[in-house]
Amino acid sequence: MPSFRTRFKGKAVRFSRFDICRLLVGTCGRFGGRRGRLHVLDLYATQRGDVVNEVAAFDTVYGVSDCCWSESHQSLAVSALTDGTVKLWDVSLPPALNPVSYVCEHYDEACSVDWNPVSDCFLSASLDSQIKLWTLDRSNSSYTFQRHSDSVYSVAWNATDPHVFASASGDRTAGLWDVRDNRCFIVIHDEKTRQLVSCGWNTYNQFHLATASGSSIHVWDVRTTRSPLVDFSGHDDTVCRIRFSPHQPSMLLSCSVDNTVRMWDWREDASIARYDLHTDRVHGIDMSVHIEGLIASAGWDNLVHIWRDRRVTATLSA
């Protein structure tokens, strides 16, 4: 299993949709969020096995809370920083020419970024309770979405309805928003849990949304939000991030403060796999859209792990 050691604590990892074995990793200083680095990694095969090679690295004065690739430009990426800034990077250019642009409209830590699946726009969410929409042709935000009464920890575009996105907040609600009229058209109240820290859409069903709070993961049908379709807990501590599989509609990946990454079949309410690869909390996870079963994680032990689990594919195909 190939691994890569980072200088700072791992916060986010994302596979590229253009380059089969390229990853983006965001890292952050442990205390106070000072200093960080954005890594671009390539995974390639050798006679001795798979190897991870760093092809670029970009230092930041403040830590990187989250990052993602552009869905329309192969070399563009965006990052959210602990000082509230949002930075756009062109990883084909040297560090001296990066970032290619940056904006600072949030007045607290920027926690989450997500690029629209079909358009040249992306979202940022912040501890200041605001969500902002950005386009490449503007130096300021196109719109600020305000409804949450507490920090917004996560935003995610709907993969099959690109006008819609979801947000997860410390006010115990998830919001569903439509950028065509800039309104929040559904609010999911999750009063049984603590603050919602992550959200994600099912790639194969535009109505299925997952949220994470404490050690619990809920899957909702957003057409009927009185109660979740699934309410399960398997982690021993707070869940940090969740991802639906890009290949299997019933597969969900999660990572946690309990140092583990876990795979679930949410329709069966069953644990498929548990990965004890890290020695500290795991904040970043992703699954490759190109290679089924290829998983990456980033943790506070300064390690990025990349592995392929064919057992997951076999289990879900059975």
Protein backbone atom coordinates (compact mmCIF):
# COMPACT_ATOMS: atom_id res chain seq x y z
CA MET A 1 0.00 0.00 0.00
CA PRO A 2 1.66 3.28 -1.09
CA SER A 3 1.80 6.15 1.39
CA PHE A 4 3.07 9.72 1.45
CA ARG A 5 4.26 11.70 4.47
CA THR A 6 3.18 15.34 4.66
CA ARG A 7 4.80 18.07 6.73
CA PHE A 8 1.52 19.18 8.26
CA LYS A 9 -1.68 17.47 9.37
CA GLY A 10 -3.89 16.04 6.63
CA LYS A 11 -7.27 17.74 6.22
CA ALA A 12 -8.54 16.82 2.76
CA VAL A 13 -7.77 14.59 -0.22
CA ARG A 14 -9.40 14.51 -3.65
CA PHE A 15 -8.85 12.41 -6.77
CA SER A 16 -8.73 14.18 -10.13
CA ARG A 17 -11.47 13.47 -12.66
CA PHE A 18 -9.01 14.12 -15.52
CA ASP A 19 -5.81 12.36 -14.47
CA ILE A 20 -6.41 8.75 -13.50
CA CYS A 21 -3.92 8.57 -10.63
CA ARG A 22 -3.54 12.20 -9.52
CA LEU A 23 -4.55 13.48 -6.09
CA LEU A 24 -4.85 16.83 -4.34
CA VAL A 25 -4.05 16.93 -0.62
CA GLY A 26 -4.67 19.84 1.75
CA THR A 27 -2.77 20.10 5.06
CA CYS A 28 -2.85 22.35 8.09
CA GLY A 29 -0.77 23.15 11.17
CA ARG A 30 -2.20 21.40 14.20
CA PHE A 31 -2.75 24.32 16.55
CA GLY A 32 -4.31 27.61 15.48
CA GLY A 33 -4.39 26.70 11.80
CA ARG A 34 -1.16 28.51 10.99
CA ARG A 35 0.80 27.32 7.97
CA GLY A 36 -0.29 24.73 5.48
CA ARG A 37 0.56 23.13 2.18
CA LEU A 38 -1.31 21.96 -0.89
CA HIS A 39 0.22 18.81 -2.41
CA VAL A 40 -0.26 17.37 -5.89
CA LEU A 41 0.53 13.65 -5.89
CA ASP A 42 0.75 11.05 -8.65
CA LEU A 43 0.38 7.33 -8.12
CA TYR A 44 2.27 5.14 -10.57
CA ALA A 45 3.29 1.52 -10.87
CA THR A 46 6.85 0.19 -10.70
CA GLN A 47 8.34 -3.30 -10.66
CA ARG A 48 8.45 -3.08 -6.87
CA GLY A 49 4.85 -1.94 -6.55
CA ASP A 50 2.90 1.29 -6.60
CA VAL A 51 4.73 4.49 -5.68
CA VAL A 52 3.48 7.98 -4.75
CA ASN A 53 5.38 10.89 -6.26
CA GLU A 54 4.90 14.54 -5.33
CA VAL A 55 4.73 16.58 -8.54
CA ALA A 56 3.96 19.96 -6.97
CA ALA A 57 3.57 21.63 -3.57
CA PHE A 58 2.27 25.07 -2.66
CA ASP A 59 2.86 26.60 0.78
CA THR A 60 0.25 28.74 2.51
CA VAL A 61 0.63 31.07 5.49
CA TYR A 62 -2.57 29.67 6.96
CA GLY A 63 -3.73 26.07 6.99
CA VAL A 64 -5.77 24.41 4.26
CA SER A 65 -9.14 23.28 5.63
CA ASP A 66 -10.46 21.79 2.39
CA CYS A 67 -9.63 21.57 -1.31
CA CYS A 68 -11.04 20.24 -4.55
CA TRP A 69 -10.26 20.00 -8.24
CA SER A 70 -12.01 21.92 -10.97
CA GLU A 71 -14.53 19.79 -12.84
CA SER A 72 -13.86 21.61 -16.12
CA HIS A 73 -10.15 22.56 -16.12
CA GLN A 74 -7.55 19.84 -15.70
CA SER A 75 -4.97 21.88 -13.78
CA LEU A 76 -7.18 24.15 -11.66
CA ALA A 77 -7.91 23.56 -7.98
CA VAL A 78 -9.43 25.61 -5.18
CA SER A 79 -8.68 25.61 -1.46
CA ALA A 80 -10.37 26.91 1.69
CA LEU A 81 -8.04 28.36 4.32
CA THR A 82 -8.29 28.82 8.08
CA ASP A 83 -8.06 32.61 7.78
CA GLY A 84 -11.20 32.71 5.63
CA THR A 85 -9.51 33.13 2.27
CA VAL A 86 -10.35 31.05 -0.78
CA LYS A 87 -7.48 30.49 -3.21
CA LEU A 88 -7.45 29.31 -6.82
CA TRP A 89 -4.40 27.36 -8.02
CA ASP A 90 -3.07 26.29 -11.39
CA VAL A 91 -0.96 23.26 -10.56
CA SER A 92 0.70 23.34 -13.98
CA LEU A 93 2.43 26.58 -12.97
CA PRO A 94 5.36 26.91 -10.53
CA PRO A 95 4.78 28.04 -6.93
CA ALA A 96 6.02 31.55 -7.74
CA LEU A 97 3.04 32.06 -10.06
CA ASN A 98 0.50 30.67 -7.59
CA PRO A 99 -2.11 31.19 -6.39
CA VAL A 100 -3.54 32.55 -9.63
CA SER A 101 -6.22 34.37 -7.63
CA TYR A 102 -7.54 34.60 -4.09
CA VAL A 103 -10.48 36.22 -2.36
CA CYS A 104 -11.22 37.05 1.25
CA GLU A 105 -14.89 37.69 1.93
CA HIS A 106 -15.44 35.22 4.78
CA TYR A 107 -14.66 36.70 8.18
CA ASP A 108 -13.93 33.35 9.82
CA GLU A 109 -12.36 30.05 8.77
CA ALA A 110 -13.41 28.73 5.36
CA CYS A 111 -14.28 25.09 6.04
CA SER A 112 -15.43 23.60 2.75
CA VAL A 113 -15.22 24.08 -1.02
CA ASP A 114 -16.91 22.19 -3.84
CA TRP A 115 -16.74 22.71 -7.62
CA ASN A 116 -19.91 22.51 -9.69
CA PRO A 117 -20.00 19.32 -11.82
CA VAL A 118 -20.88 21.11 -15.08
CA SER A 119 -20.15 24.84 -14.69
CA ASP A 120 -17.20 27.13 -13.98
CA CYS A 121 -18.35 27.97 -10.48
CA PHE A 122 -17.72 26.69 -6.98
CA LEU A 123 -18.98 27.12 -3.43
CA SER A 124 -17.27 27.96 -0.17
CA ALA A 125 -18.66 27.57 3.35
CA SER A 126 -17.41 29.11 6.55
CA LEU A 127 -17.61 29.29 10.32
CA ASP A 128 -19.18 32.72 9.72
CA SER A 129 -22.41 30.81 8.81
CA GLN A 130 -22.28 31.99 5.18
CA ILE A 131 -22.05 30.12 1.89
CA LYS A 132 -20.63 31.93 -1.12
CA LEU A 133 -20.88 31.21 -4.85
CA TRP A 134 -17.85 32.07 -6.96
CA THR A 135 -17.27 32.20 -10.73
CA LEU A 136 -13.96 32.43 -12.56
CA ASP A 137 -14.88 35.67 -14.33
CA ARG A 138 -15.42 37.67 -11.12
CA SER A 139 -13.06 38.88 -8.40
CA ASN A 140 -15.84 38.88 -5.83
CA SER A 141 -18.54 36.39 -4.95
CA SER A 142 -21.60 36.11 -7.18
CA TYR A 143 -23.95 35.49 -4.28
CA THR A 144 -23.96 34.94 -0.52
CA PHE A 145 -26.42 32.39 0.86
CA GLN A 146 -27.57 33.10 4.40
CA ARG A 147 -30.03 31.04 6.40
CA HIS A 148 -27.98 29.04 8.85
CA SER A 149 -27.65 30.40 12.37
CA ASP A 150 -24.35 28.66 13.10
CA SER A 151 -21.17 27.58 11.34
CA VAL A 152 -21.47 25.86 7.96
CA TYR A 153 -19.02 22.99 7.88
CA SER A 154 -19.77 21.38 4.54
CA VAL A 155 -21.26 22.11 1.11
CA ALA A 156 -21.84 19.64 -1.73
CA TRP A 157 -23.28 20.01 -5.22
CA ASN A 158 -25.86 17.50 -6.36
CA ALA A 159 -24.13 15.30 -8.94
CA THR A 160 -27.21 14.81 -11.13
CA ASP A 161 -28.96 18.16 -10.60
CA PRO A 162 -26.16 20.75 -10.83
CA HIS A 163 -28.41 23.69 -9.89
CA VAL A 164 -28.85 22.24 -6.39
CA PHE A 165 -26.45 21.96 -3.48
CA ALA A 166 -26.63 20.92 0.16
CA SER A 167 -25.10 22.43 3.27
CA ALA A 168 -24.44 21.00 6.74
CA SER A 169 -24.37 23.31 9.73
CA GLY A 170 -23.75 23.54 13.43
CA ASP A 171 -27.36 24.65 13.87
CA ARG A 172 -28.38 20.97 13.46
CA THR A 173 -29.85 21.50 10.01
CA ALA A 174 -28.99 20.63 6.45
CA GLY A 175 -30.12 23.09 3.80
CA LEU A 176 -31.01 22.36 0.19
CA TRP A 177 -30.45 25.32 -2.12
CA ASP A 178 -31.24 26.15 -5.74
CA VAL A 179 -28.90 28.63 -7.43
CA ARG A 180 -31.48 29.46 -10.12
CA ASP A 181 -33.39 31.57 -7.61
CA ASN A 182 -30.86 31.54 -4.74
CA ARG A 183 -33.29 30.13 -2.22
CA CYS A 184 -33.18 27.45 0.42
CA PHE A 185 -36.14 25.29 -0.58
CA ILE A 186 -35.79 22.45 1.96
CA VAL A 187 -34.49 22.45 5.52
CA ILE A 188 -33.74 19.11 7.17
CA HIS A 189 -33.95 19.35 10.97
CA ASP A 190 -31.87 16.77 12.78
CA GLU A 191 -32.73 17.56 16.40
CA LYS A 192 -31.53 14.20 17.75
CA THR A 193 -27.93 14.91 16.88
CA ARG A 194 -25.25 17.48 17.53
CA GLN A 195 -23.96 19.81 14.85
CA LEU A 196 -23.89 18.47 11.29
CA VAL A 197 -20.29 18.40 10.04
CA SER A 198 -20.46 16.76 6.60
CA CYS A 199 -22.89 16.10 3.77
CA GLY A 200 -22.78 14.36 0.41
CA TRP A 201 -25.08 13.32 -2.43
CA ASN A 202 -25.56 9.88 -3.89
CA THR A 203 -24.09 9.88 -7.39
CA TYR A 204 -26.89 7.63 -8.66
CA ASN A 205 -29.93 9.17 -6.96
CA GLN A 206 -30.56 12.91 -6.86
CA PHE A 207 -32.84 12.55 -3.83
CA HIS A 208 -30.48 10.69 -1.50
CA LEU A 209 -28.36 12.84 0.80
CA ALA A 210 -26.05 11.67 3.60
CA THR A 211 -25.22 13.75 6.66
CA ALA A 212 -22.81 13.16 9.53
CA SER A 213 -23.10 14.30 13.14
CA GLY A 214 -21.16 13.00 16.11
CA SER A 215 -20.58 9.30 15.51
CA SER A 216 -23.82 8.95 13.50
CA ILE A 217 -24.44 8.89 9.76
CA HIS A 218 -27.91 9.51 8.33
CA VAL A 219 -29.12 8.94 4.78
CA TRP A 220 -32.17 10.97 3.79
CA ASP A 221 -34.68 10.96 0.98
CA VAL A 222 -35.02 14.74 0.58
CA ARG A 223 -38.60 14.36 -0.62
CA THR A 224 -39.65 13.10 2.83
CA THR A 225 -37.38 14.51 5.53
CA ARG A 226 -39.36 13.76 8.68
CA SER A 227 -36.95 10.94 9.50
CA PRO A 228 -33.86 9.48 7.80
CA LEU A 229 -33.96 6.34 5.67
CA VAL A 230 -30.97 5.04 7.62
CA ASP A 231 -29.64 5.99 11.04
CA PHE A 232 -26.49 4.09 11.94
CA SER A 233 -23.49 4.50 14.18
CA GLY A 234 -20.32 2.48 13.91
CA HIS A 235 -17.52 4.90 14.63
CA ASP A 236 -16.26 5.29 18.19
CA ASP A 237 -15.91 9.06 17.87
CA THR A 238 -16.92 12.01 15.70
CA VAL A 239 -17.26 11.42 11.96
CA CYS A 240 -15.23 13.98 10.03
CA ARG A 241 -16.24 13.36 6.41
CA ILE A 242 -18.49 11.14 4.29
CA ARG A 243 -18.43 10.23 0.60
CA PHE A 244 -20.78 8.20 -1.57
CA SER A 245 -19.10 5.82 -3.98
CA PRO A 246 -18.91 6.96 -7.62
CA HIS A 247 -19.35 3.30 -8.66
CA GLN A 248 -21.77 1.63 -6.25
CA PRO A 249 -25.03 3.39 -5.29
CA SER A 250 -25.29 1.69 -1.91
CA MET A 251 -21.68 2.23 -0.82
CA LEU A 252 -20.69 5.01 1.58
CA LEU A 253 -17.23 5.85 2.91
CA SER A 254 -16.54 7.66 6.19
CA CYS A 255 -13.59 8.76 8.30
CA SER A 256 -13.40 9.76 11.94
CA VAL A 257 -11.59 11.14 14.94
CA ASP A 258 -11.36 7.47 16.04
CA ASN A 259 -8.46 7.11 13.52
CA THR A 260 -10.40 4.80 11.18
CA VAL A 261 -11.86 4.78 7.69
CA ARG A 262 -14.99 2.66 7.23
CA MET A 263 -17.04 1.42 4.33
CA TRP A 264 -20.79 0.87 4.61
CA ASP A 265 -23.61 -0.63 2.62
CA TRP A 266 -26.18 1.89 3.78
CA ARG A 267 -29.14 0.05 2.26
CA GLU A 268 -28.31 -3.00 4.37
CA ASP A 269 -27.21 -0.89 7.35
CA ALA A 270 -24.06 -3.00 7.33
CA SER A 271 -20.35 -2.39 7.78
CA ILE A 272 -18.37 -3.74 4.82
CA ALA A 273 -14.83 -2.85 5.82
CA ARG A 274 -12.82 -1.11 8.50
CA TYR A 275 -9.37 0.33 7.75
CA ASP A 276 -7.02 0.94 10.69
CA LEU A 277 -4.27 2.64 8.75
CA HIS A 278 -3.79 5.86 10.72
CA THR A 279 -2.53 6.53 14.25
CA ASP A 280 -4.36 9.85 14.59
CA ARG A 281 -7.69 11.30 13.49
CA VAL A 282 -8.62 11.03 9.81
CA HIS A 283 -10.09 14.13 8.19
CA GLY A 284 -9.81 13.45 4.47
CA ILE A 285 -11.18 10.63 2.30
CA ASP A 286 -12.06 10.14 -1.35
CA MET A 287 -12.71 7.42 -3.93
CA SER A 288 -11.42 7.43 -7.49
CA VAL A 289 -13.94 7.95 -10.28
CA HIS A 290 -11.61 6.06 -12.67
CA ILE A 291 -10.61 2.97 -10.70
CA GLU A 292 -13.28 1.17 -8.69
CA GLY A 293 -12.21 0.39 -5.15
CA LEU A 294 -9.30 2.87 -5.14
CA ILE A 295 -9.43 4.86 -1.89
CA ALA A 296 -7.32 7.65 -0.40
CA SER A 297 -7.20 9.03 3.13
CA ALA A 298 -5.37 11.89 4.86
CA GLY A 299 -4.83 12.03 8.62
CA TRP A 300 -3.37 14.01 11.47
CA ASP A 301 -0.52 11.51 11.63
CA ASN A 302 0.91 13.34 8.59
CA LEU A 303 0.21 10.40 6.31
CA VAL A 304 -1.71 9.99 3.07
CA HIS A 305 -2.62 6.37 2.32
CA ILE A 306 -3.79 5.09 -1.08
CA TRP A 307 -5.11 1.57 -1.50
CA ARG A 308 -7.44 -0.55 -3.58
CA ASP A 309 -9.83 -2.91 -1.85
CA ARG A 310 -11.25 -5.42 -4.31
CA ARG A 311 -13.18 -7.05 -1.46
CA VAL A 312 -15.52 -4.05 -1.46
CA THR A 313 -16.29 -4.47 -5.15
CA ALA A 314 -16.81 -8.20 -4.74
CA THR A 315 -19.08 -7.76 -1.72
CA LEU A 316 -21.30 -5.19 -3.36
CA SER A 317 -21.52 -7.13 -6.63
CA ALA A 318 -22.60 -10.33 -4.92
